[in-house]
Amino acid sequence: MTLIRGHIIALDPTNKQATYFAKACGVARLAYNWALDNWQKQYQADKTYRDECLKNGIEIDETKLNKPSQGKLRKQLNSIKRQQFPFMLEVTKCSPQLAIIQLGDAFKRFFKGESKYPQFRKKGVNDRFSLSNDQFKLIDINNKSFIKVPNLGLVKMRENLRLQGKILSAKIFKQGEKWFVSVAVELQDIIKPQPKTDKQVGIDLGITDLATLSNGEKIQAPKPLKNKLKQLRRLNKSLSRKQKGSKNREKAKTKLSRLHFKISNIRKDFLHKLTTSLVKSYDVICLENLNIKGMVKNRKLSRAINDLGFYEFKRQLIYKANQWGKTIKELDRFYPSSKTCSCCGFIMDKANLTLAVRYWTCPNCQTLHDRDVNASINILNHATKVLTN
């Protein structure tokens, strides 16, 4: 069994290297947007041609169709970039080429119904460019780690690559005004079984308490967005008051970006520690299949749900369980876990058990239930779908 994992490492580029990174990100963004624009035009031209043929009863000539694809668009860009975009030659060839390949992958996911229609990239939003495995090297010199980038040289990394396996690609990106590299590694024999604990647990996710375990334990999240919201609003106001294109606006934008980065790091750090602890402590972990996309459409709950990171919590549990030989099970989302008595199976009327009711007594067996603990017990007892391999 193989698994592709990404190791994110902070970089310490010089001013010259940071300028190169910014240029490469700009070239990748331009190539992506150019390819998306031409893809749309070619697709529309094909659609117009087909409609005219059907309208006039003419047989469609397949040779006259553009049939846009990432391969064709890459060849088109290569044929014109020396005349129209000569600055592309100042950075690695991977920057524009892999950006167009990523556009092709985005369309594949769209046609499969796995994602939305690809959108144009914006400057300053997820600035990034990618490198194929033959266009960079990881080098150790005097116990210091470097990444060698084409047309640039050695860039210092804060730490060594911890993953052992075949290196597939690298992505260099900017976040919180800092530069990072994410190295994708294909791992073989990833399952490293942890000592068996012979324990099972059901987990009910919530807003007041992120996770309520079937043993009665409740775990609260740090809620970094909620705690930093006042500061975030102040920096947003400060940014909006600055004149566009001014140095003061760039300074305000940098402060805001760093705060967003800090909020993200606090959330990720907590979730990693929590999920690692759960996977090491239990052999079987049971969850409820929540409709997170539907939940975030509720404008009263969306900010709190996004601040907790339900999706990321589940994603981390699954890949860590795969890595350590543990099992994740899922309960059908339509099972009434909160309304069902975990002792006798009696189901309460929905009208008598609103979200405001945190404790309720079963009319059938007179058992007093904590709503969340009762739900987690039902999740443990009735989860059947296995999510891990």
Protein backbone atom coordinates (compact mmCIF):
# COMPACT_ATOMS: atom_id res chain seq x y z
CA MET A 1 0.00 0.00 0.00
CA THR A 2 1.31 3.46 -0.92
CA LEU A 3 0.37 6.92 0.25
CA ILE A 4 1.39 10.39 -0.90
CA ARG A 5 2.22 12.74 1.97
CA GLY A 6 3.34 16.35 1.86
CA HIS A 7 5.96 17.72 4.26
CA ILE A 8 5.76 21.51 4.65
CA ILE A 9 9.08 23.17 5.51
CA ALA A 10 9.73 26.87 6.13
CA LEU A 11 12.30 28.56 3.89
CA ASP A 12 14.82 31.33 4.61
CA PRO A 13 15.30 32.96 1.19
CA THR A 14 17.45 36.01 0.60
CA ASN A 15 15.83 39.14 -0.84
CA LYS A 16 16.96 38.10 -4.32
CA GLN A 17 15.51 34.62 -3.87
CA ALA A 18 12.23 35.97 -2.49
CA THR A 19 11.96 38.21 -5.57
CA TYR A 20 12.51 35.15 -7.78
CA PHE A 21 9.76 33.28 -5.91
CA ALA A 22 7.37 36.20 -6.39
CA LYS A 23 8.12 36.26 -10.14
CA ALA A 24 7.60 32.50 -10.43
CA CYS A 25 4.25 32.79 -8.61
CA GLY A 26 3.24 35.59 -10.98
CA VAL A 27 4.19 33.51 -14.02
CA ALA A 28 2.24 30.50 -12.69
CA ARG A 29 -0.80 32.70 -12.05
CA LEU A 30 -0.58 34.27 -15.52
CA ALA A 31 -0.24 30.87 -17.22
CA TYR A 32 -3.17 29.44 -15.26
CA ASN A 33 -5.43 32.41 -16.04
CA TRP A 34 -4.34 32.50 -19.70
CA ALA A 35 -5.08 28.79 -20.06
CA LEU A 36 -8.47 29.09 -18.32
CA ASP A 37 -9.46 32.03 -20.55
CA ASN A 38 -8.46 30.17 -23.72
CA TRP A 39 -10.13 26.96 -22.51
CA GLN A 40 -13.41 28.86 -22.09
CA LYS A 41 -13.10 30.54 -25.51
CA GLN A 42 -12.29 27.28 -27.31
CA TYR A 43 -15.08 25.43 -25.52
CA GLN A 44 -17.57 28.18 -26.44
CA ALA A 45 -16.37 28.13 -30.07
CA ASP A 46 -16.93 24.36 -30.19
CA LYS A 47 -20.39 24.77 -28.68
CA THR A 48 -21.33 27.47 -31.21
CA TYR A 49 -20.09 25.32 -34.11
CA ARG A 50 -22.06 22.28 -32.89
CA ASP A 51 -25.24 24.36 -32.46
CA GLU A 52 -24.93 25.77 -35.98
CA CYS A 53 -24.41 22.31 -37.44
CA LEU A 54 -27.46 20.94 -35.62
CA LYS A 55 -29.53 23.96 -36.64
CA ASN A 56 -28.61 23.63 -40.33
CA GLY A 57 -28.64 19.83 -40.38
CA ILE A 58 -24.93 19.65 -41.21
CA GLU A 59 -22.72 16.79 -40.07
CA ILE A 60 -20.20 17.86 -37.44
CA ASP A 61 -16.60 17.83 -38.67
CA GLU A 62 -14.52 16.65 -35.71
CA THR A 63 -11.36 18.16 -37.22
CA LYS A 64 -12.83 21.66 -36.82
CA LEU A 65 -13.35 21.24 -33.08
CA ASN A 66 -10.80 22.69 -30.65
CA LYS A 67 -11.47 20.16 -27.87
CA PRO A 68 -9.44 22.10 -25.29
CA SER A 69 -7.10 20.17 -23.00
CA GLN A 70 -4.18 21.00 -20.77
CA GLY A 71 -1.76 19.30 -23.19
CA LYS A 72 -2.87 21.42 -26.18
CA LEU A 73 -2.83 24.63 -24.12
CA ARG A 74 0.71 23.94 -22.91
CA LYS A 75 1.89 23.58 -26.52
CA GLN A 76 0.09 26.79 -27.48
CA LEU A 77 1.73 28.71 -24.65
CA ASN A 78 5.16 27.35 -25.56
CA SER A 79 4.69 28.56 -29.14
CA ILE A 80 3.93 32.17 -28.15
CA LYS A 81 5.66 32.82 -24.84
CA ARG A 82 8.99 33.96 -26.34
CA GLN A 83 7.20 36.73 -28.28
CA GLN A 84 4.32 37.62 -25.94
CA PHE A 85 5.64 36.63 -22.49
CA PRO A 86 9.48 36.74 -22.63
CA PHE A 87 9.68 37.25 -18.85
CA MET A 88 8.52 33.66 -18.40
CA LEU A 89 12.00 32.57 -19.43
CA GLU A 90 13.46 34.23 -16.31
CA VAL A 91 12.01 31.52 -14.05
CA THR A 92 11.80 27.74 -14.11
CA LYS A 93 9.81 26.20 -16.96
CA CYS A 94 7.81 24.23 -14.37
CA SER A 95 6.08 27.37 -13.16
CA PRO A 96 3.80 27.89 -16.22
CA GLN A 97 3.68 24.26 -17.37
CA LEU A 98 2.60 22.72 -14.06
CA ALA A 99 0.08 25.52 -13.52
CA ILE A 100 -1.70 24.49 -16.74
CA ILE A 101 -1.52 20.82 -15.74
CA GLN A 102 -3.19 21.79 -12.44
CA LEU A 103 -5.93 23.51 -14.45
CA GLY A 104 -6.49 20.26 -16.33
CA ASP A 105 -6.76 18.39 -13.02
CA ALA A 106 -9.23 21.01 -11.78
CA PHE A 107 -11.45 20.42 -14.83
CA LYS A 108 -11.27 16.64 -14.29
CA ARG A 109 -12.53 17.09 -10.72
CA PHE A 110 -15.24 19.45 -11.98
CA PHE A 111 -16.50 16.97 -14.61
CA LYS A 112 -16.58 14.23 -11.96
CA GLY A 113 -18.66 16.46 -9.68
CA GLU A 114 -15.93 16.58 -7.02
CA SER A 115 -15.37 20.35 -7.11
CA LYS A 116 -16.70 23.61 -8.49
CA TYR A 117 -15.83 25.15 -11.85
CA PRO A 118 -12.20 26.43 -11.89
CA GLN A 119 -11.83 30.12 -11.02
CA PHE A 120 -9.21 32.65 -12.05
CA ARG A 121 -6.32 33.05 -9.62
CA LYS A 122 -5.81 36.39 -7.89
CA LYS A 123 -2.60 38.13 -6.95
CA GLY A 124 -1.80 37.84 -3.26
CA VAL A 125 -4.22 34.93 -2.76
CA ASN A 126 -2.47 31.58 -2.36
CA ASP A 127 0.60 32.67 -4.35
CA ARG A 128 2.38 29.48 -5.39
CA PHE A 129 4.28 27.62 -8.09
CA SER A 130 5.25 23.96 -8.46
CA LEU A 131 8.37 22.02 -9.41
CA SER A 132 8.58 18.50 -10.87
CA ASN A 133 10.94 16.05 -9.17
CA ASP A 134 13.62 16.41 -11.87
CA GLN A 135 13.78 20.20 -11.42
CA PHE A 136 14.87 20.45 -7.79
CA LYS A 137 17.14 18.70 -5.32
CA LEU A 138 17.29 18.50 -1.54
CA ILE A 139 20.87 18.90 -0.36
CA ASP A 140 22.55 18.77 3.07
CA ILE A 141 25.69 20.90 3.56
CA ASN A 142 27.41 21.06 6.96
CA ASN A 143 24.26 19.76 8.72
CA LYS A 144 22.16 22.45 7.02
CA SER A 145 19.38 21.67 4.56
CA PHE A 146 18.87 23.38 1.21
CA ILE A 147 16.61 23.06 -1.80
CA LYS A 148 18.21 23.67 -5.18
CA VAL A 149 15.85 25.52 -7.54
CA PRO A 150 16.49 26.01 -11.30
CA ASN A 151 17.89 29.43 -12.30
CA LEU A 152 18.23 30.33 -8.62
CA GLY A 153 20.54 28.01 -6.68
CA LEU A 154 20.41 26.87 -3.07
CA VAL A 155 17.66 28.12 -0.76
CA LYS A 156 17.99 27.41 2.96
CA MET A 157 15.35 25.22 4.62
CA ARG A 158 14.52 25.37 8.33
CA GLU A 159 14.58 21.56 8.74
CA ASN A 160 15.33 18.31 6.97
CA LEU A 161 12.78 16.27 5.05
CA ARG A 162 11.50 13.76 7.61
CA LEU A 163 9.65 11.48 5.17
CA GLN A 164 11.49 8.59 3.50
CA GLY A 165 10.29 7.63 0.04
CA LYS A 166 10.15 8.65 -3.61
CA ILE A 167 10.02 12.44 -4.01
CA LEU A 168 7.29 13.35 -6.52
CA SER A 169 7.10 17.14 -6.61
CA ALA A 170 7.45 20.34 -4.62
CA LYS A 171 5.24 23.38 -4.22
CA ILE A 172 6.70 26.70 -3.07
CA PHE A 173 4.12 29.08 -1.65
CA LYS A 174 3.73 32.21 0.44
CA GLN A 175 1.62 32.34 3.58
CA GLY A 176 1.62 34.96 6.31
CA GLU A 177 4.38 36.82 4.39
CA LYS A 178 6.64 33.78 4.79
CA TRP A 179 7.83 31.30 2.19
CA PHE A 180 7.37 27.55 2.49
CA VAL A 181 8.02 24.46 0.41
CA SER A 182 5.69 21.45 0.47
CA VAL A 183 7.49 18.30 -0.71
CA ALA A 184 5.22 15.46 -1.89
CA VAL A 185 6.64 12.02 -1.06
CA GLU A 186 5.29 8.62 -2.06
CA LEU A 187 5.55 6.35 0.97
CA GLN A 188 5.78 2.56 0.77
CA ASP A 189 4.63 0.25 3.58
CA ILE A 190 3.07 3.17 5.42
CA ILE A 191 1.27 1.10 8.03
CA LYS A 192 3.23 1.27 11.28
CA PRO A 193 0.98 -0.50 13.79
CA GLN A 194 0.70 1.09 17.22
CA PRO A 195 0.30 -1.09 20.33
CA LYS A 196 -3.29 -2.37 20.56
CA THR A 197 -5.39 -0.83 23.32
CA ASP A 198 -8.57 -2.94 22.77
CA LYS A 199 -10.60 0.25 23.27
CA GLN A 200 -13.41 1.75 21.20
CA VAL A 201 -14.89 5.23 21.34
CA GLY A 202 -17.75 7.15 19.77
CA ILE A 203 -17.31 10.86 19.08
CA ASP A 204 -20.07 13.43 18.78
CA LEU A 205 -18.93 16.71 17.23
CA GLY A 206 -20.46 19.95 18.44
CA ILE A 207 -19.97 23.70 18.70
CA THR A 208 -19.84 24.20 22.47
CA ASP A 209 -17.56 21.19 22.84
CA LEU A 210 -15.70 20.17 19.72
CA ALA A 211 -15.73 16.48 20.66
CA THR A 212 -17.79 14.58 23.23
CA LEU A 213 -16.53 11.03 23.79
CA SER A 214 -18.71 8.05 24.67
CA ASN A 215 -16.80 7.71 27.97
CA GLY A 216 -18.18 11.10 29.04
CA GLU A 217 -15.07 13.17 28.30
CA LYS A 218 -15.66 16.55 26.64
CA ILE A 219 -12.96 18.32 24.64
CA GLN A 220 -13.16 22.03 23.95
CA ALA A 221 -11.42 23.67 20.98
CA PRO A 222 -9.34 26.87 21.29
CA LYS A 223 -11.61 28.65 18.74
CA PRO A 224 -8.82 30.93 17.49
CA LEU A 225 -11.01 32.87 15.07
CA LYS A 226 -13.49 33.75 17.81
CA ASN A 227 -10.71 34.82 20.16
CA LYS A 228 -8.93 36.91 17.50
CA LEU A 229 -12.07 38.31 15.88
CA LYS A 230 -11.77 41.76 17.48
CA GLN A 231 -8.17 42.10 16.33
CA LEU A 232 -9.10 40.76 12.90
CA ARG A 233 -11.85 43.36 12.47
CA ARG A 234 -9.49 46.15 13.51
CA LEU A 235 -6.86 45.12 10.95
CA ASN A 236 -9.51 44.74 8.22
CA LYS A 237 -10.73 48.27 8.91
CA SER A 238 -7.18 49.55 8.87
CA LEU A 239 -6.57 47.90 5.48
CA SER A 240 -9.78 49.29 3.98
CA ARG A 241 -8.77 52.86 4.93
CA LYS A 242 -5.41 52.71 3.15
CA GLN A 243 -5.01 54.01 -0.38
CA LYS A 244 -4.63 51.29 -2.98
CA GLY A 245 -1.07 50.93 -4.22
CA SER A 246 0.44 52.72 -1.22
CA LYS A 247 3.20 51.32 1.00
CA ASN A 248 0.98 51.73 4.07
CA ARG A 249 -1.61 49.48 2.44
CA GLU A 250 1.06 46.83 1.86
CA LYS A 251 2.07 47.06 5.53
CA ALA A 252 -1.56 46.70 6.66
CA LYS A 253 -2.05 43.77 4.28
CA THR A 254 1.05 42.08 5.73
CA LYS A 255 -0.24 42.45 9.31
CA LEU A 256 -3.63 41.01 8.33
CA SER A 257 -2.03 38.09 6.47
CA ARG A 258 0.15 37.25 9.48
CA LEU A 259 -2.87 37.21 11.78
CA HIS A 260 -4.78 34.86 9.46
CA PHE A 261 -1.70 32.63 9.36
CA LYS A 262 -1.48 32.62 13.16
CA ILE A 263 -5.18 31.68 13.49
CA SER A 264 -4.70 28.83 11.01
CA ASN A 265 -1.63 27.53 12.87
CA ILE A 266 -3.39 27.52 16.24
CA ARG A 267 -6.26 25.47 14.79
CA LYS A 268 -3.99 23.02 12.98
CA ASP A 269 -1.75 22.52 16.01
CA PHE A 270 -4.72 21.69 18.25
CA LEU A 271 -6.32 19.32 15.73
CA HIS A 272 -3.06 17.46 15.10
CA LYS A 273 -2.44 16.93 18.80
CA LEU A 274 -6.04 15.85 19.43
CA THR A 275 -6.31 13.43 16.50
CA THR A 276 -2.90 11.88 17.26
CA SER A 277 -3.94 11.33 20.88
CA LEU A 278 -7.26 9.73 19.85
CA VAL A 279 -5.72 7.38 17.28
CA LYS A 280 -3.04 6.23 19.72
CA SER A 281 -5.56 5.72 22.55
CA TYR A 282 -8.27 3.79 20.68
CA ASP A 283 -8.31 0.92 18.18
CA VAL A 284 -11.77 1.80 16.79
CA ILE A 285 -13.08 5.36 16.49
CA CYS A 286 -16.69 5.98 15.45
CA LEU A 287 -17.95 9.24 13.94
CA GLU A 288 -21.20 10.65 12.63
CA ASN A 289 -21.50 11.47 8.91
CA LEU A 290 -22.20 15.19 9.15
CA ASN A 291 -23.45 17.30 6.23
CA ILE A 292 -20.79 19.98 6.74
CA LYS A 293 -21.54 21.77 3.45
CA GLY A 294 -25.16 22.08 4.46
CA MET A 295 -24.32 23.14 8.01
CA VAL A 296 -22.09 26.05 6.94
CA LYS A 297 -24.98 27.46 4.88
CA ASN A 298 -26.61 28.38 8.20
CA ARG A 299 -25.31 31.93 8.63
CA LYS A 300 -25.71 31.73 12.42
CA LEU A 301 -23.47 28.66 12.71
CA SER A 302 -21.12 28.88 9.71
CA ARG A 303 -18.39 30.94 11.41
CA ALA A 304 -18.30 28.68 14.48
CA ILE A 305 -18.25 25.49 12.37
CA ASN A 306 -15.41 26.77 10.17
CA ASP A 307 -13.50 27.90 13.26
CA LEU A 308 -13.68 24.38 14.73
CA GLY A 309 -12.52 22.60 11.58
CA PHE A 310 -14.87 19.59 11.43
CA TYR A 311 -13.66 18.47 7.98
CA GLU A 312 -9.97 18.76 8.91
CA PHE A 313 -10.60 16.81 12.14
CA LYS A 314 -12.12 13.91 10.20
CA ARG A 315 -9.46 14.02 7.47
CA GLN A 316 -6.63 13.80 10.00
CA LEU A 317 -8.28 10.96 11.88
CA ILE A 318 -8.62 8.91 8.69
CA TYR A 319 -5.07 9.28 7.41
CA LYS A 320 -3.52 8.74 10.85
CA ALA A 321 -5.66 5.66 11.40
CA ASN A 322 -4.45 4.30 8.04
CA GLN A 323 -0.88 5.04 9.01
CA TRP A 324 -1.08 3.32 12.40
CA GLY A 325 -3.37 0.41 11.60
CA LYS A 326 -6.46 1.67 13.42
CA THR A 327 -10.12 1.67 12.28
CA ILE A 328 -12.50 4.58 11.66
CA LYS A 329 -16.22 3.83 11.40
CA GLU A 330 -19.03 6.16 10.38
CA LEU A 331 -22.69 6.39 11.39
CA ASP A 332 -25.33 7.23 8.78
CA ARG A 333 -26.21 10.92 9.02
CA PHE A 334 -29.94 10.22 9.19
CA TYR A 335 -29.74 8.07 12.31
CA PRO A 336 -31.33 10.03 15.23
CA SER A 337 -28.33 9.73 17.56
CA SER A 338 -29.35 12.62 19.82
CA LYS A 339 -33.03 11.65 20.07
CA THR A 340 -32.52 7.94 20.71
CA CYS A 341 -32.17 6.66 24.27
CA SER A 342 -28.89 4.73 24.45
CA CYS A 343 -30.36 2.51 27.21
CA CYS A 344 -33.71 1.33 25.85
CA GLY A 345 -33.82 2.63 22.26
CA PHE A 346 -36.82 4.95 22.74
CA ILE A 347 -36.86 7.82 20.18
CA MET A 348 -37.91 11.25 21.44
CA ASP A 349 -40.19 13.52 19.43
CA LYS A 350 -38.19 16.14 17.54
CA ALA A 351 -40.48 18.91 18.82
CA ASN A 352 -39.60 18.02 22.42
CA LEU A 353 -35.84 17.96 21.83
CA THR A 354 -34.71 21.26 20.37
CA LEU A 355 -31.05 22.30 20.20
CA ALA A 356 -31.52 24.32 23.40
CA VAL A 357 -32.25 21.12 25.38
CA ARG A 358 -28.90 19.77 26.61
CA TYR A 359 -30.28 17.22 29.11
CA TRP A 360 -33.39 15.09 28.77
CA THR A 361 -35.08 12.20 30.59
CA CYS A 362 -36.25 9.16 28.66
CA PRO A 363 -40.06 8.75 29.15
CA ASN A 364 -39.69 5.00 28.76
CA CYS A 365 -36.87 4.05 31.18
CA GLN A 366 -36.52 7.33 33.14
CA THR A 367 -32.78 7.60 32.37
CA LEU A 368 -31.36 11.12 32.51
CA HIS A 369 -29.19 11.81 29.44
CA ASP A 370 -26.57 14.36 28.60
CA ARG A 371 -27.53 15.06 25.00
CA ASP A 372 -23.99 14.91 23.59
CA VAL A 373 -22.78 11.94 25.65
CA ASN A 374 -25.93 10.01 24.71
CA ALA A 375 -25.31 10.78 21.02
CA SER A 376 -21.69 9.63 21.22
CA ILE A 377 -22.76 6.33 22.82
CA ASN A 378 -25.28 5.76 20.02
CA ILE A 379 -22.60 6.58 17.45
CA LEU A 380 -20.32 3.96 19.02
CA ASN A 381 -23.06 1.31 19.13
CA HIS A 382 -24.47 1.83 15.62
CA ALA A 383 -21.59 2.99 13.38
CA THR A 384 -21.06 0.42 10.62
CA LYS A 385 -19.39 2.03 7.59
CA VAL A 386 -15.60 1.57 7.69
CA LEU A 387 -13.68 4.57 6.32
CA THR A 388 -10.14 3.19 6.60
CA ASN A 389 -8.37 0.55 4.55
